[in-house]
Amino acid sequence: MNNSKKGRLNNATKIFALFLLAGMTFSGCKKDGQSAVDSVYPQIDITAQSAFPVQCSMIKRGEQFTFIANLTDNQELGSVSVDIHHNFDHHSHSTEVNECGFEPVKTPVKPFLLIGSEPIPKGLKSYQTGLKISVPADVDPGDYHFMIRLTDKEGWQTIKGLSIKII
């Protein structure tokens, strides 16, 4: 190999190494007030004495209840939503360990269905829900799921599936 090719190869290697070093240096930089990339799932806590509903809760038709859970994230919460739907066919997406005992399988006539959300103020790492939910008096009683979906600002999502009964 002649000296001119060696010199170009050596210069190309030096330039590549310089760009690689610069990339590694700047990738570690962050703007003031920003932390590293969030890769932690948010948390839904229903262990507080005031939490409702919890696994196997009974909710009366024609009454209103308040959804109470403690929500946390390591950086910033995003949004929370709930989905209440019948479980008359005994399908499962419960995330809880204990079972609640099912009523016999039945065909829905007028099942309760609710998909709703509660806004979480920007910038919070913790929040307690207070969503008021009214259950119509004429819906089918029986087995239902209460699904909680919590998303943090970065888009990580945690789902908690509870089995409840509407009586």
C-alpha atoms as a PDB file:
ATOM      1  CA  MET A   1       0.000   0.000   0.000  1.00  0.00           C
ATOM      2  CA  ASN A   2       1.446   3.372  -0.916  1.00  0.00           C
ATOM      3  CA  ASN A   3       1.799   6.232   1.581  1.00  0.00           C
ATOM      4  CA  SER A   4      -1.039   8.337   0.086  1.00  0.00           C
ATOM      5  CA  LYS A   5      -3.574   5.514   0.632  1.00  0.00           C
ATOM      6  CA  LYS A   6      -2.255   4.977   4.167  1.00  0.00           C
ATOM      7  CA  GLY A   7      -2.627   8.696   4.883  1.00  0.00           C
ATOM      8  CA  ARG A   8      -6.223   8.786   3.580  1.00  0.00           C
ATOM      9  CA  LEU A   9      -7.121   5.664   5.546  1.00  0.00           C
ATOM     10  CA  ASN A  10      -5.501   7.047   8.665  1.00  0.00           C
ATOM     11  CA  ASN A  11      -7.334  10.401   8.249  1.00  0.00           C
ATOM     12  CA  ALA A  12     -10.657   8.625   7.579  1.00  0.00           C
ATOM     13  CA  THR A  13     -10.164   6.545  10.738  1.00  0.00           C
ATOM     14  CA  LYS A  14      -9.392   9.664  12.764  1.00  0.00           C
ATOM     15  CA  ILE A  15     -12.483  11.487  11.420  1.00  0.00           C
ATOM     16  CA  PHE A  16     -14.699   8.464  12.152  1.00  0.00           C
ATOM     17  CA  ALA A  17     -13.310   8.210  15.681  1.00  0.00           C
ATOM     18  CA  LEU A  18     -13.888  11.951  16.205  1.00  0.00           C
ATOM     19  CA  PHE A  19     -17.546  11.682  15.113  1.00  0.00           C
ATOM     20  CA  LEU A  20     -18.036   8.588  17.283  1.00  0.00           C
ATOM     21  CA  LEU A  21     -16.563  10.368  20.308  1.00  0.00           C
ATOM     22  CA  ALA A  22     -18.672  13.481  19.672  1.00  0.00           C
ATOM     23  CA  GLY A  23     -21.829  11.371  19.336  1.00  0.00           C
ATOM     24  CA  MET A  24     -21.149   9.590  22.603  1.00  0.00           C
ATOM     25  CA  THR A  25     -20.407  12.883  24.351  1.00  0.00           C
ATOM     26  CA  PHE A  26     -23.553  14.680  23.172  1.00  0.00           C
ATOM     27  CA  SER A  27     -25.852  11.702  23.704  1.00  0.00           C
ATOM     28  CA  GLY A  28     -25.110  11.927  27.416  1.00  0.00           C
ATOM     29  CA  CYS A  29     -26.128  15.598  27.541  1.00  0.00           C
ATOM     30  CA  LYS A  30     -29.535  16.622  28.786  1.00  0.00           C
ATOM     31  CA  LYS A  31     -31.312  19.932  28.979  1.00  0.00           C
ATOM     32  CA  ASP A  32     -31.699  21.572  32.376  1.00  0.00           C
ATOM     33  CA  GLY A  33     -34.556  19.981  34.295  1.00  0.00           C
ATOM     34  CA  GLN A  34     -34.710  16.898  32.077  1.00  0.00           C
ATOM     35  CA  SER A  35     -33.763  13.453  33.246  1.00  0.00           C
ATOM     36  CA  ALA A  36     -32.743  10.368  31.326  1.00  0.00           C
ATOM     37  CA  VAL A  37     -35.176   8.520  29.089  1.00  0.00           C
ATOM     38  CA  ASP A  38     -38.110   7.148  31.081  1.00  0.00           C
ATOM     39  CA  SER A  39     -38.410   3.373  30.803  1.00  0.00           C
ATOM     40  CA  VAL A  40     -40.350   2.694  34.021  1.00  0.00           C
ATOM     41  CA  TYR A  41     -44.018   1.714  34.030  1.00  0.00           C
ATOM     42  CA  PRO A  42     -46.427   3.856  36.081  1.00  0.00           C
ATOM     43  CA  GLN A  43     -48.053   2.286  39.159  1.00  0.00           C
ATOM     44  CA  ILE A  44     -51.712   1.807  40.116  1.00  0.00           C
ATOM     45  CA  ASP A  45     -52.110   1.346  43.868  1.00  0.00           C
ATOM     46  CA  ILE A  46     -55.441   0.121  45.252  1.00  0.00           C
ATOM     47  CA  THR A  47     -54.098  -1.000  48.617  1.00  0.00           C
ATOM     48  CA  ALA A  48     -55.124   2.130  50.552  1.00  0.00           C
ATOM     49  CA  GLN A  49     -58.110   1.725  52.841  1.00  0.00           C
ATOM     50  CA  SER A  50     -60.018   4.370  50.833  1.00  0.00           C
ATOM     51  CA  ALA A  51     -59.373   2.678  47.431  1.00  0.00           C
ATOM     52  CA  PHE A  52     -62.475   1.686  45.471  1.00  0.00           C
ATOM     53  CA  PRO A  53     -63.317  -0.504  43.728  1.00  0.00           C
ATOM     54  CA  VAL A  54     -61.003  -3.341  44.637  1.00  0.00           C
ATOM     55  CA  GLN A  55     -61.130  -6.991  43.602  1.00  0.00           C
ATOM     56  CA  CYS A  56     -64.606  -8.473  44.309  1.00  0.00           C
ATOM     57  CA  SER A  57     -66.259  -5.133  45.197  1.00  0.00           C
ATOM     58  CA  MET A  58     -70.039  -4.985  45.000  1.00  0.00           C
ATOM     59  CA  ILE A  59     -71.629  -1.949  43.402  1.00  0.00           C
ATOM     60  CA  LYS A  60     -75.348  -1.207  43.614  1.00  0.00           C
ATOM     61  CA  ARG A  61     -77.448  -0.414  40.576  1.00  0.00           C
ATOM     62  CA  GLY A  62     -78.983   3.054  40.653  1.00  0.00           C
ATOM     63  CA  GLU A  63     -76.198   4.464  42.801  1.00  0.00           C
ATOM     64  CA  GLN A  64     -73.066   6.515  42.276  1.00  0.00           C
ATOM     65  CA  PHE A  65     -69.590   5.537  43.484  1.00  0.00           C
ATOM     66  CA  THR A  66     -66.195   7.201  43.358  1.00  0.00           C
ATOM     67  CA  PHE A  67     -63.233   5.492  41.715  1.00  0.00           C
ATOM     68  CA  ILE A  68     -60.322   6.024  44.115  1.00  0.00           C
ATOM     69  CA  ALA A  69     -56.781   4.824  43.401  1.00  0.00           C
ATOM     70  CA  ASN A  70     -53.308   6.206  43.997  1.00  0.00           C
ATOM     71  CA  LEU A  71     -51.370   6.656  40.764  1.00  0.00           C
ATOM     72  CA  THR A  72     -47.611   7.233  40.619  1.00  0.00           C
ATOM     73  CA  ASP A  73     -44.801   7.495  38.103  1.00  0.00           C
ATOM     74  CA  ASN A  74     -41.069   8.011  38.451  1.00  0.00           C
ATOM     75  CA  GLN A  75     -41.126  11.084  36.158  1.00  0.00           C
ATOM     76  CA  GLU A  76     -44.594  12.300  35.121  1.00  0.00           C
ATOM     77  CA  LEU A  77     -48.099  10.870  34.871  1.00  0.00           C
ATOM     78  CA  GLY A  78     -50.030  11.162  31.629  1.00  0.00           C
ATOM     79  CA  SER A  79     -53.629   9.894  31.636  1.00  0.00           C
ATOM     80  CA  VAL A  80     -55.958   7.434  33.326  1.00  0.00           C
ATOM     81  CA  SER A  81     -59.030   5.728  31.911  1.00  0.00           C
ATOM     82  CA  VAL A  82     -61.537   3.140  33.081  1.00  0.00           C
ATOM     83  CA  ASP A  83     -63.517   0.538  31.175  1.00  0.00           C
ATOM     84  CA  ILE A  84     -66.428  -1.248  32.839  1.00  0.00           C
ATOM     85  CA  HIS A  85     -67.983  -4.101  30.880  1.00  0.00           C
ATOM     86  CA  HIS A  86     -69.931  -7.284  31.604  1.00  0.00           C
ATOM     87  CA  ASN A  87     -68.260 -10.615  32.236  1.00  0.00           C
ATOM     88  CA  PHE A  88     -71.358 -12.761  31.781  1.00  0.00           C
ATOM     89  CA  ASP A  89     -69.360 -15.185  29.594  1.00  0.00           C
ATOM     90  CA  HIS A  90     -66.569 -15.537  32.205  1.00  0.00           C
ATOM     91  CA  HIS A  91     -63.761 -14.229  29.980  1.00  0.00           C
ATOM     92  CA  SER A  92     -60.703 -13.110  31.894  1.00  0.00           C
ATOM     93  CA  HIS A  93     -58.291 -10.232  32.050  1.00  0.00           C
ATOM     94  CA  SER A  94     -58.129  -9.886  35.783  1.00  0.00           C
ATOM     95  CA  THR A  95     -54.704  -8.983  37.102  1.00  0.00           C
ATOM     96  CA  GLU A  96     -55.562  -9.943  40.661  1.00  0.00           C
ATOM     97  CA  VAL A  97     -54.662 -13.224  42.359  1.00  0.00           C
ATOM     98  CA  ASN A  98     -57.890 -13.973  44.220  1.00  0.00           C
ATOM     99  CA  GLU A  99     -61.024 -15.094  42.365  1.00  0.00           C
ATOM    100  CA  CYS A 100     -64.494 -13.764  43.105  1.00  0.00           C
ATOM    101  CA  GLY A 101     -66.801 -16.662  42.268  1.00  0.00           C
ATOM    102  CA  PHE A 102     -68.927 -16.382  39.153  1.00  0.00           C
ATOM    103  CA  GLU A 103     -72.660 -16.348  38.672  1.00  0.00           C
ATOM    104  CA  PRO A 104     -73.897 -18.723  35.937  1.00  0.00           C
ATOM    105  CA  VAL A 105     -73.103 -17.763  32.330  1.00  0.00           C
ATOM    106  CA  LYS A 106     -75.897 -15.650  30.885  1.00  0.00           C
ATOM    107  CA  THR A 107     -76.792 -13.618  27.824  1.00  0.00           C
ATOM    108  CA  PRO A 108     -76.719  -9.867  28.376  1.00  0.00           C
ATOM    109  CA  VAL A 109     -79.984  -7.972  27.939  1.00  0.00           C
ATOM    110  CA  LYS A 110     -79.012  -4.488  29.129  1.00  0.00           C
ATOM    111  CA  PRO A 111     -75.396  -4.675  30.357  1.00  0.00           C
ATOM    112  CA  PHE A 112     -73.624  -1.701  31.873  1.00  0.00           C
ATOM    113  CA  LEU A 113     -70.808  -0.351  29.695  1.00  0.00           C
ATOM    114  CA  LEU A 114     -68.667   2.639  30.526  1.00  0.00           C
ATOM    115  CA  ILE A 115     -65.474   3.886  28.960  1.00  0.00           C
ATOM    116  CA  GLY A 116     -64.305   7.074  30.634  1.00  0.00           C
ATOM    117  CA  SER A 117     -61.269   9.018  31.669  1.00  0.00           C
ATOM    118  CA  GLU A 118     -60.139  11.461  34.301  1.00  0.00           C
ATOM    119  CA  PRO A 119     -57.694  14.229  33.455  1.00  0.00           C
ATOM    120  CA  ILE A 120     -54.439  14.256  35.415  1.00  0.00           C
ATOM    121  CA  PRO A 121     -52.906  17.724  35.834  1.00  0.00           C
ATOM    122  CA  LYS A 122     -49.579  18.138  34.012  1.00  0.00           C
ATOM    123  CA  GLY A 123     -46.302  17.758  35.867  1.00  0.00           C
ATOM    124  CA  LEU A 124     -47.487  15.367  38.600  1.00  0.00           C
ATOM    125  CA  LYS A 125     -45.637  12.256  39.756  1.00  0.00           C
ATOM    126  CA  SER A 126     -48.501  11.171  42.012  1.00  0.00           C
ATOM    127  CA  TYR A 127     -52.255  11.632  41.846  1.00  0.00           C
ATOM    128  CA  GLN A 128     -55.320  10.262  43.610  1.00  0.00           C
ATOM    129  CA  THR A 129     -58.319   9.669  41.376  1.00  0.00           C
ATOM    130  CA  GLY A 130     -61.783  10.902  42.265  1.00  0.00           C
ATOM    131  CA  LEU A 131     -63.873   9.959  39.217  1.00  0.00           C
ATOM    132  CA  LYS A 132     -67.590   9.760  40.046  1.00  0.00           C
ATOM    133  CA  ILE A 133     -69.411   6.956  38.227  1.00  0.00           C
ATOM    134  CA  SER A 134     -73.184   6.504  38.153  1.00  0.00           C
ATOM    135  CA  VAL A 135     -74.602   3.031  37.572  1.00  0.00           C
ATOM    136  CA  PRO A 136     -78.079   3.086  35.994  1.00  0.00           C
ATOM    137  CA  ALA A 137     -80.800   1.289  37.974  1.00  0.00           C
ATOM    138  CA  ASP A 138     -81.975  -0.786  35.011  1.00  0.00           C
ATOM    139  CA  VAL A 139     -78.700  -2.480  33.938  1.00  0.00           C
ATOM    140  CA  ASP A 140     -78.165  -6.218  34.159  1.00  0.00           C
ATOM    141  CA  PRO A 141     -76.791  -7.283  37.548  1.00  0.00           C
ATOM    142  CA  GLY A 142     -73.916  -9.749  37.621  1.00  0.00           C
ATOM    143  CA  ASP A 143     -70.219 -10.183  36.966  1.00  0.00           C
ATOM    144  CA  TYR A 144     -68.305  -7.237  35.485  1.00  0.00           C
ATOM    145  CA  HIS A 145     -64.736  -6.153  34.850  1.00  0.00           C
ATOM    146  CA  PHE A 146     -63.365  -2.817  36.011  1.00  0.00           C
ATOM    147  CA  MET A 147     -60.283  -2.106  33.891  1.00  0.00           C
ATOM    148  CA  ILE A 148     -57.899   0.703  34.840  1.00  0.00           C
ATOM    149  CA  ARG A 149     -55.396   1.953  32.247  1.00  0.00           C
ATOM    150  CA  LEU A 150     -52.669   4.331  33.434  1.00  0.00           C
ATOM    151  CA  THR A 151     -50.262   5.886  30.952  1.00  0.00           C
ATOM    152  CA  ASP A 152     -47.269   8.031  31.846  1.00  0.00           C
ATOM    153  CA  LYS A 153     -46.087  11.039  29.831  1.00  0.00           C
ATOM    154  CA  GLU A 154     -43.620   8.891  27.858  1.00  0.00           C
ATOM    155  CA  GLY A 155     -46.347   6.418  26.851  1.00  0.00           C
ATOM    156  CA  TRP A 156     -45.624   3.491  29.199  1.00  0.00           C
ATOM    157  CA  GLN A 157     -48.906   1.894  30.259  1.00  0.00           C
ATOM    158  CA  THR A 158     -50.006  -0.196  33.218  1.00  0.00           C
ATOM    159  CA  ILE A 159     -53.322  -2.050  33.244  1.00  0.00           C
ATOM    160  CA  LYS A 160     -55.128  -3.352  36.315  1.00  0.00           C
ATOM    161  CA  GLY A 161     -58.117  -5.618  35.753  1.00  0.00           C
ATOM    162  CA  LEU A 162     -60.550  -6.065  38.634  1.00  0.00           C
ATOM    163  CA  SER A 163     -63.530  -8.405  38.886  1.00  0.00           C
ATOM    164  CA  ILE A 164     -66.555  -6.678  40.423  1.00  0.00           C
ATOM    165  CA  LYS A 165     -70.249  -7.414  40.827  1.00  0.00           C
ATOM    166  CA  ILE A 166     -73.126  -5.096  40.083  1.00  0.00           C
ATOM    167  CA  ILE A 167     -76.052  -5.992  42.347  1.00  0.00           C
END
